[in-house]
Amino acid sequence: AMTDLKQIRFEAERADLVGRFIHIVEHRYGHALAGLVERAKIALTDQPAAEVKVSLPGARFAAEITRAGLEATIGADIDRVTETVRQTIADAGVDTSAITAVFLTGGSTAIPLAKRQILSLVPQASVIEGDMFGSVGLGLALDAQRKFA
């Protein structure tokens, strides 16, 4: 993989940016960078733009990301999730008008586009929100307990 990155740097119009990425990979700063991006993604739940400020040894820069840009990037994924929800309701033989409440949990359900699209399937339903950041881990722990205890 590193050989491929170095080849890309050789061919890139902005070799400096690819070099910066190689530095991040070589020094194993990927998790730190992912954490910064995740914080910005969370901020986009409530605001139209957020800045990712990277201040790692040898890699200092800032980049603005926008909610519109995020939604354009993940729109197809959100469409697939929405279609899965729609299909699940249909497979269950439930008329959408009979659904009175929707329970949203997990961080991705806080993304405005995801929330809008899912709720558009059942506009009359009230919304119940769970622990956005802990519920998935709790569910996995409960499943592990059931399987391995």
C-alpha atoms as a PDB file:
ATOM      1  CA  ALA A   1       0.000   0.000   0.000  1.00  0.00           C
ATOM      2  CA  MET A   2       2.815   2.427   0.827  1.00  0.00           C
ATOM      3  CA  THR A   3       4.407   1.737  -2.556  1.00  0.00           C
ATOM      4  CA  ASP A   4       1.102   2.662  -4.201  1.00  0.00           C
ATOM      5  CA  LEU A   5       0.894   5.899  -2.207  1.00  0.00           C
ATOM      6  CA  LYS A   6       4.426   6.848  -3.196  1.00  0.00           C
ATOM      7  CA  GLN A   7       3.592   6.184  -6.850  1.00  0.00           C
ATOM      8  CA  ILE A   8       0.487   8.344  -6.540  1.00  0.00           C
ATOM      9  CA  ARG A   9       2.615  11.126  -5.023  1.00  0.00           C
ATOM     10  CA  PHE A  10       4.998  10.881  -7.966  1.00  0.00           C
ATOM     11  CA  GLU A  11       2.097  11.312 -10.415  1.00  0.00           C
ATOM     12  CA  ALA A  12      -0.028  13.751  -8.404  1.00  0.00           C
ATOM     13  CA  GLU A  13      -0.611  17.350  -9.313  1.00  0.00           C
ATOM     14  CA  ARG A  14      -0.356  18.208  -5.592  1.00  0.00           C
ATOM     15  CA  ALA A  15       2.427  15.886  -4.464  1.00  0.00           C
ATOM     16  CA  ASP A  16       2.714  17.874  -1.229  1.00  0.00           C
ATOM     17  CA  LEU A  17      -0.781  16.817  -0.174  1.00  0.00           C
ATOM     18  CA  VAL A  18      -0.114  13.173  -0.944  1.00  0.00           C
ATOM     19  CA  GLY A  19       3.161  13.502   0.955  1.00  0.00           C
ATOM     20  CA  ARG A  20       1.249  14.838   3.948  1.00  0.00           C
ATOM     21  CA  PHE A  21      -1.064  11.828   3.768  1.00  0.00           C
ATOM     22  CA  ILE A  22       1.911   9.453   3.553  1.00  0.00           C
ATOM     23  CA  HIS A  23       3.350  11.102   6.671  1.00  0.00           C
ATOM     24  CA  ILE A  24       0.068  10.502   8.527  1.00  0.00           C
ATOM     25  CA  VAL A  25       0.025   6.843   7.461  1.00  0.00           C
ATOM     26  CA  GLU A  26       3.708   6.239   8.239  1.00  0.00           C
ATOM     27  CA  HIS A  27       3.386   7.707  11.724  1.00  0.00           C
ATOM     28  CA  ARG A  28       0.088   5.957  12.433  1.00  0.00           C
ATOM     29  CA  TYR A  29      -1.898   9.145  12.973  1.00  0.00           C
ATOM     30  CA  GLY A  30      -4.927   7.712  11.178  1.00  0.00           C
ATOM     31  CA  HIS A  31      -7.016   7.192  14.314  1.00  0.00           C
ATOM     32  CA  ALA A  32      -6.277  10.698  15.546  1.00  0.00           C
ATOM     33  CA  LEU A  33      -7.284  12.111  12.167  1.00  0.00           C
ATOM     34  CA  ALA A  34     -10.446   9.983  12.092  1.00  0.00           C
ATOM     35  CA  GLY A  35     -11.366  11.310  15.540  1.00  0.00           C
ATOM     36  CA  LEU A  36     -11.028  14.902  14.346  1.00  0.00           C
ATOM     37  CA  VAL A  37     -13.192  14.193  11.310  1.00  0.00           C
ATOM     38  CA  GLU A  38     -15.789  12.433  13.492  1.00  0.00           C
ATOM     39  CA  ARG A  39     -16.015  15.478  15.780  1.00  0.00           C
ATOM     40  CA  ALA A  40     -16.604  17.688  12.750  1.00  0.00           C
ATOM     41  CA  LYS A  41     -19.275  15.292  11.453  1.00  0.00           C
ATOM     42  CA  ILE A  42     -21.045  15.481  14.809  1.00  0.00           C
ATOM     43  CA  ALA A  43     -20.832  19.284  14.734  1.00  0.00           C
ATOM     44  CA  LEU A  44     -22.544  19.258  11.323  1.00  0.00           C
ATOM     45  CA  THR A  45     -25.649  17.871  13.007  1.00  0.00           C
ATOM     46  CA  ASP A  46     -26.363  21.333  14.410  1.00  0.00           C
ATOM     47  CA  GLN A  47     -24.454  23.688  12.129  1.00  0.00           C
ATOM     48  CA  PRO A  48     -23.948  24.072   8.372  1.00  0.00           C
ATOM     49  CA  ALA A  49     -20.134  23.929   8.454  1.00  0.00           C
ATOM     50  CA  ALA A  50     -17.310  22.762  10.692  1.00  0.00           C
ATOM     51  CA  GLU A  51     -13.556  23.048  10.607  1.00  0.00           C
ATOM     52  CA  VAL A  52     -11.205  20.115  10.979  1.00  0.00           C
ATOM     53  CA  LYS A  53      -8.006  21.418  12.554  1.00  0.00           C
ATOM     54  CA  VAL A  54      -5.169  18.936  12.281  1.00  0.00           C
ATOM     55  CA  SER A  55      -2.208  19.604  14.516  1.00  0.00           C
ATOM     56  CA  LEU A  56      -0.072  16.486  14.429  1.00  0.00           C
ATOM     57  CA  PRO A  57       3.719  16.361  14.286  1.00  0.00           C
ATOM     58  CA  GLY A  58       4.584  17.047  10.660  1.00  0.00           C
ATOM     59  CA  ALA A  59       0.957  17.524   9.649  1.00  0.00           C
ATOM     60  CA  ARG A  60      -0.636  20.857  10.486  1.00  0.00           C
ATOM     61  CA  PHE A  61      -3.549  22.098   8.425  1.00  0.00           C
ATOM     62  CA  ALA A  62      -7.207  23.005   8.596  1.00  0.00           C
ATOM     63  CA  ALA A  63     -10.079  22.180   6.292  1.00  0.00           C
ATOM     64  CA  GLU A  64     -13.698  23.227   6.344  1.00  0.00           C
ATOM     65  CA  ILE A  65     -16.376  20.649   5.707  1.00  0.00           C
ATOM     66  CA  THR A  66     -20.002  21.484   5.121  1.00  0.00           C
ATOM     67  CA  ARG A  67     -23.209  19.646   5.842  1.00  0.00           C
ATOM     68  CA  ALA A  68     -24.089  19.928   2.144  1.00  0.00           C
ATOM     69  CA  GLY A  69     -20.767  18.335   1.214  1.00  0.00           C
ATOM     70  CA  LEU A  70     -21.223  15.548   3.750  1.00  0.00           C
ATOM     71  CA  GLU A  71     -24.754  14.863   2.536  1.00  0.00           C
ATOM     72  CA  ALA A  72     -23.597  14.778  -1.084  1.00  0.00           C
ATOM     73  CA  THR A  73     -20.869  12.309  -0.127  1.00  0.00           C
ATOM     74  CA  ILE A  74     -23.079   9.951   1.874  1.00  0.00           C
ATOM     75  CA  GLY A  75     -26.369  10.506   0.044  1.00  0.00           C
ATOM     76  CA  ALA A  76     -26.318   7.164  -1.776  1.00  0.00           C
ATOM     77  CA  ASP A  77     -25.653   5.344   1.508  1.00  0.00           C
ATOM     78  CA  ILE A  78     -28.544   7.155   3.182  1.00  0.00           C
ATOM     79  CA  ASP A  79     -30.751   6.215   0.216  1.00  0.00           C
ATOM     80  CA  ARG A  80     -29.844   2.538   0.730  1.00  0.00           C
ATOM     81  CA  VAL A  81     -30.640   2.722   4.446  1.00  0.00           C
ATOM     82  CA  THR A  82     -33.952   4.434   3.717  1.00  0.00           C
ATOM     83  CA  GLU A  83     -34.826   1.783   1.144  1.00  0.00           C
ATOM     84  CA  THR A  84     -33.953  -0.946   3.652  1.00  0.00           C
ATOM     85  CA  VAL A  85     -36.288   0.623   6.213  1.00  0.00           C
ATOM     86  CA  ARG A  86     -39.034   0.914   3.591  1.00  0.00           C
ATOM     87  CA  GLN A  87     -38.553  -2.707   2.542  1.00  0.00           C
ATOM     88  CA  THR A  88     -38.530  -3.902   6.154  1.00  0.00           C
ATOM     89  CA  ILE A  89     -41.866  -2.194   6.780  1.00  0.00           C
ATOM     90  CA  ALA A  90     -43.279  -3.745   3.600  1.00  0.00           C
ATOM     91  CA  ASP A  91     -41.903  -7.205   4.451  1.00  0.00           C
ATOM     92  CA  ALA A  92     -43.533  -6.974   7.874  1.00  0.00           C
ATOM     93  CA  GLY A  93     -46.864  -6.304   6.187  1.00  0.00           C
ATOM     94  CA  VAL A  94     -47.353  -3.131   8.197  1.00  0.00           C
ATOM     95  CA  ASP A  95     -49.094  -0.137   6.690  1.00  0.00           C
ATOM     96  CA  THR A  96     -46.949   2.941   7.282  1.00  0.00           C
ATOM     97  CA  SER A  97     -50.003   4.794   8.611  1.00  0.00           C
ATOM     98  CA  ALA A  98     -50.101   2.306  11.507  1.00  0.00           C
ATOM     99  CA  ILE A  99     -46.628   3.292  12.719  1.00  0.00           C
ATOM    100  CA  THR A 100     -47.049   5.781  15.543  1.00  0.00           C
ATOM    101  CA  ALA A 101     -43.463   6.095  16.787  1.00  0.00           C
ATOM    102  CA  VAL A 102     -39.959   5.732  15.396  1.00  0.00           C
ATOM    103  CA  PHE A 103     -37.007   5.032  17.687  1.00  0.00           C
ATOM    104  CA  LEU A 104     -33.790   6.586  16.370  1.00  0.00           C
ATOM    105  CA  THR A 105     -30.512   5.465  17.863  1.00  0.00           C
ATOM    106  CA  GLY A 106     -26.888   5.542  16.821  1.00  0.00           C
ATOM    107  CA  GLY A 107     -24.912   8.573  15.731  1.00  0.00           C
ATOM    108  CA  SER A 108     -25.808   8.365  12.055  1.00  0.00           C
ATOM    109  CA  THR A 109     -29.492   8.894  12.804  1.00  0.00           C
ATOM    110  CA  ALA A 110     -28.557  12.397  13.980  1.00  0.00           C
ATOM    111  CA  ILE A 111     -27.401  13.321  10.475  1.00  0.00           C
ATOM    112  CA  PRO A 112     -30.192  15.623   9.273  1.00  0.00           C
ATOM    113  CA  LEU A 113     -30.476  13.962   5.833  1.00  0.00           C
ATOM    114  CA  ALA A 114     -30.759  10.481   7.357  1.00  0.00           C
ATOM    115  CA  LYS A 115     -33.326  11.616   9.879  1.00  0.00           C
ATOM    116  CA  ARG A 116     -35.398  13.441   7.235  1.00  0.00           C
ATOM    117  CA  GLN A 117     -35.415  10.542   4.810  1.00  0.00           C
ATOM    118  CA  ILE A 118     -36.280   7.888   7.384  1.00  0.00           C
ATOM    119  CA  LEU A 119     -39.021  10.013   8.914  1.00  0.00           C
ATOM    120  CA  SER A 120     -40.432  10.811   5.471  1.00  0.00           C
ATOM    121  CA  LEU A 121     -41.540   7.172   5.315  1.00  0.00           C
ATOM    122  CA  VAL A 122     -43.760   7.667   8.374  1.00  0.00           C
ATOM    123  CA  PRO A 123     -44.443  11.410   8.658  1.00  0.00           C
ATOM    124  CA  GLN A 124     -47.204  10.945  11.238  1.00  0.00           C
ATOM    125  CA  ALA A 125     -44.965   9.039  13.663  1.00  0.00           C
ATOM    126  CA  SER A 126     -43.563  10.662  16.759  1.00  0.00           C
ATOM    127  CA  VAL A 127     -39.801  10.474  17.187  1.00  0.00           C
ATOM    128  CA  ILE A 128     -38.118   8.836  20.155  1.00  0.00           C
ATOM    129  CA  GLU A 129     -34.364   9.285  20.317  1.00  0.00           C
ATOM    130  CA  GLY A 130     -32.059   6.933  22.177  1.00  0.00           C
ATOM    131  CA  ASP A 131     -28.485   7.351  23.303  1.00  0.00           C
ATOM    132  CA  MET A 132     -26.898   8.445  20.033  1.00  0.00           C
ATOM    133  CA  PHE A 133     -23.387   7.358  20.924  1.00  0.00           C
ATOM    134  CA  GLY A 134     -23.706   4.569  23.473  1.00  0.00           C
ATOM    135  CA  SER A 135     -26.652   2.509  22.318  1.00  0.00           C
ATOM    136  CA  VAL A 136     -24.876   0.605  19.564  1.00  0.00           C
ATOM    137  CA  GLY A 137     -22.088  -0.435  21.937  1.00  0.00           C
ATOM    138  CA  LEU A 138     -24.633  -1.392  24.587  1.00  0.00           C
ATOM    139  CA  GLY A 139     -26.540  -3.480  22.057  1.00  0.00           C
ATOM    140  CA  LEU A 140     -23.357  -5.271  21.025  1.00  0.00           C
ATOM    141  CA  ALA A 141     -22.487  -5.927  24.671  1.00  0.00           C
ATOM    142  CA  LEU A 142     -25.948  -7.352  25.364  1.00  0.00           C
ATOM    143  CA  ASP A 143     -25.721  -9.541  22.266  1.00  0.00           C
ATOM    144  CA  ALA A 144     -22.275 -10.795  23.324  1.00  0.00           C
ATOM    145  CA  GLN A 145     -23.582 -11.551  26.810  1.00  0.00           C
ATOM    146  CA  ARG A 146     -26.466 -13.540  25.346  1.00  0.00           C
ATOM    147  CA  LYS A 147     -24.149 -15.502  23.047  1.00  0.00           C
ATOM    148  CA  PHE A 148     -21.170 -16.096  25.311  1.00  0.00           C
ATOM    149  CA  ALA A 149     -22.385 -15.974  28.917  1.00  0.00           C
END
